C-alpha atoms as a PDB file:
ATOM      1  CA  MET A   1     102.427 140.020 105.411  1.00  0.00           C
ATOM      2  CA  TYR A   2     102.610 137.958 108.624  1.00  0.00           C
ATOM      3  CA  LEU A   3      99.386 136.050 107.883  1.00  0.00           C
ATOM      4  CA  TYR A   4     100.581 135.190 104.352  1.00  0.00           C
ATOM      5  CA  LEU A   5     103.857 133.850 105.725  1.00  0.00           C
ATOM      6  CA  LYS A   6     102.014 131.883 108.398  1.00  0.00           C
ATOM      7  CA  ALA A   7      99.625 130.423 105.795  1.00  0.00           C
ATOM      8  CA  LEU A   8     102.556 129.441 103.564  1.00  0.00           C
ATOM      9  CA  HIS A   9     104.309 127.894 106.551  1.00  0.00           C
ATOM     10  CA  ILE A  10     101.244 125.749 107.281  1.00  0.00           C
ATOM     11  CA  ILE A  11     100.931 124.763 103.607  1.00  0.00           C
ATOM     12  CA  PHE A  12     104.547 123.606 103.474  1.00  0.00           C
ATOM     13  CA  VAL A  13     104.192 121.771 106.794  1.00  0.00           C
ATOM     14  CA  VAL A  14     101.315 119.851 105.188  1.00  0.00           C
ATOM     15  CA  THR A  15     103.310 119.005 102.051  1.00  0.00           C
ATOM     16  CA  TRP A  16     106.324 118.020 104.175  1.00  0.00           C
ATOM     17  CA  PHE A  17     104.175 115.688 106.272  1.00  0.00           C
ATOM     18  CA  ALA A  18     102.653 114.234 103.115  1.00  0.00           C
ATOM     19  CA  GLY A  19     106.163 113.193 102.131  1.00  0.00           C
ATOM     20  CA  LEU A  20     106.989 111.946 105.628  1.00  0.00           C
ATOM     21  CA  PHE A  21     103.828 109.831 105.664  1.00  0.00           C
ATOM     22  CA  TYR A  22     104.186 108.369 102.177  1.00  0.00           C
ATOM     23  CA  MET A  23     107.939 107.793 102.059  1.00  0.00           C
ATOM     24  CA  PRO A  24     107.997 104.910 104.583  1.00  0.00           C
ATOM     25  CA  ARG A  25     105.097 103.322 102.674  1.00  0.00           C
ATOM     26  CA  LEU A  26     107.284 103.320  99.564  1.00  0.00           C
ATOM     27  CA  PHE A  27     110.083 101.768 101.626  1.00  0.00           C
ATOM     28  CA  ILE A  28     107.691  99.043 102.792  1.00  0.00           C
ATOM     29  CA  TYR A  29     106.506  98.298  99.256  1.00  0.00           C
ATOM     30  CA  ASN A  30     110.101  98.268  98.035  1.00  0.00           C
ATOM     31  CA  VAL A  31     111.110  95.770 100.744  1.00  0.00           C
ATOM     32  CA  GLU A  32     108.099  93.585 100.002  1.00  0.00           C
ATOM     33  CA  ALA A  33     108.985  93.601  96.290  1.00  0.00           C
ATOM     34  CA  ASN A  34     111.968  91.447  97.295  1.00  0.00           C
ATOM     35  CA  ASN A  35     109.469  88.609  97.797  1.00  0.00           C
ATOM     36  CA  GLU A  36     108.392  88.742  94.160  1.00  0.00           C
ATOM     37  CA  ALA A  37     109.861  86.544  91.456  1.00  0.00           C
ATOM     38  CA  SER A  38     111.893  87.984  88.595  1.00  0.00           C
ATOM     39  CA  PRO A  39     111.196  90.005  86.486  1.00  0.00           C
ATOM     40  CA  ALA A  40     108.406  91.496  88.657  1.00  0.00           C
ATOM     41  CA  LYS A  41     110.851  92.165  91.490  1.00  0.00           C
ATOM     42  CA  GLU A  42     113.178  94.242  89.311  1.00  0.00           C
ATOM     43  CA  VAL A  43     110.322  96.111  87.638  1.00  0.00           C
ATOM     44  CA  LEU A  44     108.710  96.986  90.968  1.00  0.00           C
ATOM     45  CA  GLN A  45     111.964  98.061  92.596  1.00  0.00           C
ATOM     46  CA  ARG A  46     112.904 100.194  89.605  1.00  0.00           C
ATOM     47  CA  GLN A  47     109.501 101.920  89.813  1.00  0.00           C
ATOM     48  CA  PHE A  48     109.715 102.373  93.589  1.00  0.00           C
ATOM     49  CA  SER A  49     113.192 103.889  93.192  1.00  0.00           C
ATOM     50  CA  ILE A  50     111.800 106.453  90.748  1.00  0.00           C
ATOM     51  CA  MET A  51     108.916 107.233  93.118  1.00  0.00           C
ATOM     52  CA  ILE A  52     111.255 107.519  96.120  1.00  0.00           C
ATOM     53  CA  LYS A  53     113.555 109.965  94.304  1.00  0.00           C
ATOM     54  CA  ARG A  54     110.726 112.129  93.016  1.00  0.00           C
ATOM     55  CA  LEU A  55     108.871 112.288  96.323  1.00  0.00           C
ATOM     56  CA  TRP A  56     111.980 112.781  98.430  1.00  0.00           C
ATOM     57  CA  TYR A  57     113.867 115.320  96.344  1.00  0.00           C
ATOM     58  CA  GLY A  58     110.917 116.943  94.593  1.00  0.00           C
ATOM     59  CA  ILE A  59     108.494 117.403  97.487  1.00  0.00           C
ATOM     60  CA  THR A  60     109.724 116.291 100.904  1.00  0.00           C
ATOM     61  CA  TRP A  61     113.154 117.955 101.079  1.00  0.00           C
ATOM     62  CA  PRO A  62     112.036 121.261  99.535  1.00  0.00           C
ATOM     63  CA  SER A  63     109.010 121.352 101.855  1.00  0.00           C
ATOM     64  CA  ALA A  64     111.191 120.670 104.915  1.00  0.00           C
ATOM     65  CA  ILE A  65     113.555 123.506 103.981  1.00  0.00           C
ATOM     66  CA  ILE A  66     110.787 125.998 103.175  1.00  0.00           C
ATOM     67  CA  THR A  67     108.961 125.010 106.395  1.00  0.00           C
ATOM     68  CA  LEU A  68     112.095 125.774 108.390  1.00  0.00           C
ATOM     69  CA  ILE A  69     112.652 129.122 106.683  1.00  0.00           C
ATOM     70  CA  LEU A  70     109.031 130.249 106.985  1.00  0.00           C
ATOM     71  CA  GLY A  71     108.661 128.974 110.559  1.00  0.00           C
ATOM     72  CA  THR A  72     111.763 130.842 111.654  1.00  0.00           C
ATOM     73  CA  THR A  73     110.592 133.989 109.862  1.00  0.00           C
ATOM     74  CA  VAL A  74     107.137 133.820 111.476  1.00  0.00           C
ATOM     75  CA  MET A  75     108.672 133.232 114.895  1.00  0.00           C
ATOM     76  CA  TYR A  76     110.945 136.274 114.567  1.00  0.00           C
ATOM     77  CA  GLN A  77     108.169 138.491 113.161  1.00  0.00           C
ATOM     78  CA  THR A  78     105.948 137.759 116.150  1.00  0.00           C
ATOM     79  CA  GLU A  79     108.874 138.158 118.566  1.00  0.00           C
ATOM     80  CA  TRP A  80     108.150 134.724 120.084  1.00  0.00           C
ATOM     81  CA  ILE A  81     111.894 134.105 120.116  1.00  0.00           C
ATOM     82  CA  GLU A  82     112.159 136.610 122.970  1.00  0.00           C
ATOM     83  CA  HIS A  83     109.548 134.772 125.055  1.00  0.00           C
ATOM     84  CA  LEU A  84     110.715 131.168 124.739  1.00  0.00           C
ATOM     85  CA  LEU A  85     111.878 130.997 128.342  1.00  0.00           C
ATOM     86  CA  ASP A  86     108.894 132.893 129.747  1.00  0.00           C
ATOM     87  CA  GLU A  87     105.988 130.887 131.149  1.00  0.00           C
ATOM     88  CA  GLY A  88     103.808 131.825 128.165  1.00  0.00           C
ATOM     89  CA  GLY A  89     106.440 130.654 125.699  1.00  0.00           C
ATOM     90  CA  ARG A  90     107.154 127.228 127.147  1.00  0.00           C
ATOM     91  CA  TRP A  91     104.690 125.576 124.774  1.00  0.00           C
ATOM     92  CA  LEU A  92     106.736 126.940 121.859  1.00  0.00           C
ATOM     93  CA  LEU A  93     109.985 125.742 123.403  1.00  0.00           C
ATOM     94  CA  ILE A  94     108.516 122.238 123.774  1.00  0.00           C
ATOM     95  CA  LYS A  95     107.127 122.416 120.228  1.00  0.00           C
ATOM     96  CA  LEU A  96     110.557 123.387 118.910  1.00  0.00           C
ATOM     97  CA  GLY A  97     111.986 120.369 120.722  1.00  0.00           C
ATOM     98  CA  PHE A  98     109.529 118.139 118.870  1.00  0.00           C
ATOM     99  CA  VAL A  99     110.425 119.921 115.624  1.00  0.00           C
ATOM    100  CA  VAL A 100     114.130 119.179 116.177  1.00  0.00           C
ATOM    101  CA  PHE A 101     113.253 115.503 116.671  1.00  0.00           C
ATOM    102  CA  LEU A 102     111.054 115.657 113.569  1.00  0.00           C
ATOM    103  CA  TYR A 103     114.008 116.856 111.507  1.00  0.00           C
ATOM    104  CA  ALA A 104     116.091 114.023 112.998  1.00  0.00           C
ATOM    105  CA  TYR A 105     113.331 111.631 111.884  1.00  0.00           C
ATOM    106  CA  HIS A 106     113.427 113.257 108.445  1.00  0.00           C
ATOM    107  CA  LEU A 107     117.188 112.635 108.264  1.00  0.00           C
ATOM    108  CA  SER A 108     116.672 108.996 109.308  1.00  0.00           C
ATOM    109  CA  LEU A 109     114.297 108.580 106.357  1.00  0.00           C
ATOM    110  CA  HIS A 110     116.957 110.134 104.141  1.00  0.00           C
ATOM    111  CA  VAL A 111     119.433 107.458 105.257  1.00  0.00           C
ATOM    112  CA  ILE A 112     116.905 104.689 104.544  1.00  0.00           C
ATOM    113  CA  ALA A 113     116.121 106.198 101.140  1.00  0.00           C
ATOM    114  CA  LEU A 114     119.810 106.263 100.194  1.00  0.00           C
ATOM    115  CA  GLN A 115     120.187 102.652 101.350  1.00  0.00           C
ATOM    116  CA  GLN A 116     117.191 101.446  99.371  1.00  0.00           C
ATOM    117  CA  LEU A 117     118.267 103.340  96.260  1.00  0.00           C
ATOM    118  CA  LYS A 118     121.535 101.366  96.486  1.00  0.00           C
ATOM    119  CA  GLY A 119     119.593  98.102  96.866  1.00  0.00           C
ATOM    120  CA  LEU A 120     120.332  97.748 100.591  1.00  0.00           C
ATOM    121  CA  PHE A 121     117.331  96.625 102.626  1.00  0.00           C
ATOM    122  CA  LYS A 122     118.287  96.743 106.304  1.00  0.00           C
ATOM    123  CA  TYR A 123     114.774  96.865 107.767  1.00  0.00           C
ATOM    124  CA  SER A 124     111.818  94.516 107.534  1.00  0.00           C
ATOM    125  CA  SER A 125     108.418  95.732 106.415  1.00  0.00           C
ATOM    126  CA  THR A 126     107.189  95.433 110.032  1.00  0.00           C
ATOM    127  CA  GLN A 127     110.038  97.595 111.331  1.00  0.00           C
ATOM    128  CA  LEU A 128     109.270 100.173 108.634  1.00  0.00           C
ATOM    129  CA  ARG A 129     105.551 100.099 109.519  1.00  0.00           C
ATOM    130  CA  ILE A 130     106.456 100.974 113.098  1.00  0.00           C
ATOM    131  CA  TRP A 131     108.856 103.699 111.928  1.00  0.00           C
ATOM    132  CA  ASN A 132     106.113 105.020 109.643  1.00  0.00           C
ATOM    133  CA  GLU A 133     104.001 105.927 112.695  1.00  0.00           C
ATOM    134  CA  VAL A 134     106.649 108.196 114.207  1.00  0.00           C
ATOM    135  CA  ALA A 135     105.532 111.060 111.956  1.00  0.00           C
ATOM    136  CA  THR A 136     101.974 110.612 113.259  1.00  0.00           C
ATOM    137  CA  ILE A 137     103.171 110.969 116.840  1.00  0.00           C
ATOM    138  CA  PHE A 138     105.102 114.148 116.007  1.00  0.00           C
ATOM    139  CA  LEU A 139     102.185 115.602 114.075  1.00  0.00           C
ATOM    140  CA  ILE A 140      99.738 115.083 116.934  1.00  0.00           C
ATOM    141  CA  ALA A 141     102.159 116.418 119.558  1.00  0.00           C
ATOM    142  CA  ILE A 142     103.034 119.518 117.549  1.00  0.00           C
ATOM    143  CA  VAL A 143      99.468 120.374 116.531  1.00  0.00           C
ATOM    144  CA  MET A 144      98.206 119.907 120.084  1.00  0.00           C
ATOM    145  CA  LEU A 145     100.899 122.235 121.396  1.00  0.00           C
ATOM    146  CA  VAL A 146     100.189 124.879 118.760  1.00  0.00           C
ATOM    147  CA  VAL A 147      96.427 124.833 119.232  1.00  0.00           C
ATOM    148  CA  VAL A 148      96.129 124.315 122.987  1.00  0.00           C
ATOM    149  CA  LYS A 149      99.336 126.195 123.977  1.00  0.00           C
ATOM    150  CA  GLN A 150      99.525 127.014 127.669  1.00  0.00           C
ATOM    151  CA  SER A 151      96.326 125.137 128.513  1.00  0.00           C
ATOM    152  CA  ILE A 152      97.877 121.729 127.895  1.00  0.00           C
ATOM    153  CA  SER A 153      99.067 119.819 130.927  1.00  0.00           C
ATOM    154  CA  LEU A 154     102.562 118.438 130.454  1.00  0.00           C
ATOM    155  CA  VAL A 155     101.680 115.294 132.397  1.00  0.00           C
ATOM    156  CA  TRP A 156      98.406 114.631 130.530  1.00  0.00           C
ATOM    157  CA  GLY A 157     100.066 115.483 127.231  1.00  0.00           C
ATOM    158  CA  LEU A 158     102.758 112.871 127.860  1.00  0.00           C
ATOM    159  CA  VAL A 159     100.172 110.335 129.044  1.00  0.00           C
ATOM    160  CA  GLY A 160      98.221 110.980 125.846  1.00  0.00           C
ATOM    161  CA  LEU A 161     101.328 110.422 123.712  1.00  0.00           C
ATOM    162  CA  VAL A 162     102.136 107.165 125.525  1.00  0.00           C
ATOM    163  CA  VAL A 163      98.553 105.942 125.014  1.00  0.00           C
ATOM    164  CA  LEU A 164      98.729 106.959 121.333  1.00  0.00           C
ATOM    165  CA  ILE A 165     101.992 105.045 120.896  1.00  0.00           C
ATOM    166  CA  GLY A 166     100.410 101.996 122.542  1.00  0.00           C
ATOM    167  CA  VAL A 167      97.374 102.182 120.261  1.00  0.00           C
ATOM    168  CA  LEU A 168      99.544 102.542 117.160  1.00  0.00           C
ATOM    169  CA  LEU A 169     101.760  99.606 118.143  1.00  0.00           C
ATOM    170  CA  GLY A 170      98.667  97.529 118.881  1.00  0.00           C
ATOM    171  CA  ALA A 171      97.198  98.401 115.495  1.00  0.00           C
ATOM    172  CA  ILE A 172     100.437  97.388 113.758  1.00  0.00           C
ATOM    173  CA  ARG A 173     100.483  94.081 115.634  1.00  0.00           C
ATOM    174  CA  LEU A 174      96.824  93.444 114.769  1.00  0.00           C
ATOM    175  CA  TYR A 175      97.467  94.259 111.101  1.00  0.00           C
ATOM    176  CA  LYS A 176     100.380  91.816 111.053  1.00  0.00           C
ATOM    177  CA  LEU A 177      98.220  89.069 112.579  1.00  0.00           C
ATOM    178  CA  LEU A 178      95.407  89.677 110.082  1.00  0.00           C
ATOM    179  CA  ARG A 179      97.829  89.836 107.181  1.00  0.00           C
ATOM    180  CA  ASN A 180      99.517  86.554 108.093  1.00  0.00           C
ATOM    181  CA  LYS A 181      96.175  84.688 108.125  1.00  0.00           C
END
């Protein structure tokens, strides 16, 4: 039973991340639709609102909830909860810290979705492009911790994340330069 629960947990992590990756793209497109003339602007924003609602409430939220339930169940079944403070369980403790921040990121997307569904656009497309990469950072950090576990160096792991963030920010800046030409 454990392996089935673990497989389902991984499947729902994937579907949750699919939503986390695509949702900010919809926000970006919705913001950029403001630059269109009527009636295209209204048509695009109406369509993006439908897509945002369906993705957010139909896939992303349910996947986040099922991921949490299955992850907790798997953790209790393997008795990892008892070893979080042991040396061998530190990787899981750090991973759970990233997961908490990932749920905070999820909630931040929820706030943006509610704002955009009301027609409030508080962030530029560039700001949303940067925010879009946060899920990538969490994904890489969490997967590395799960796969490498105790073998990962905390210092080198943090250096790797800082380099990754720098590369992502550089790529966003380069994209903006190319797009403006």
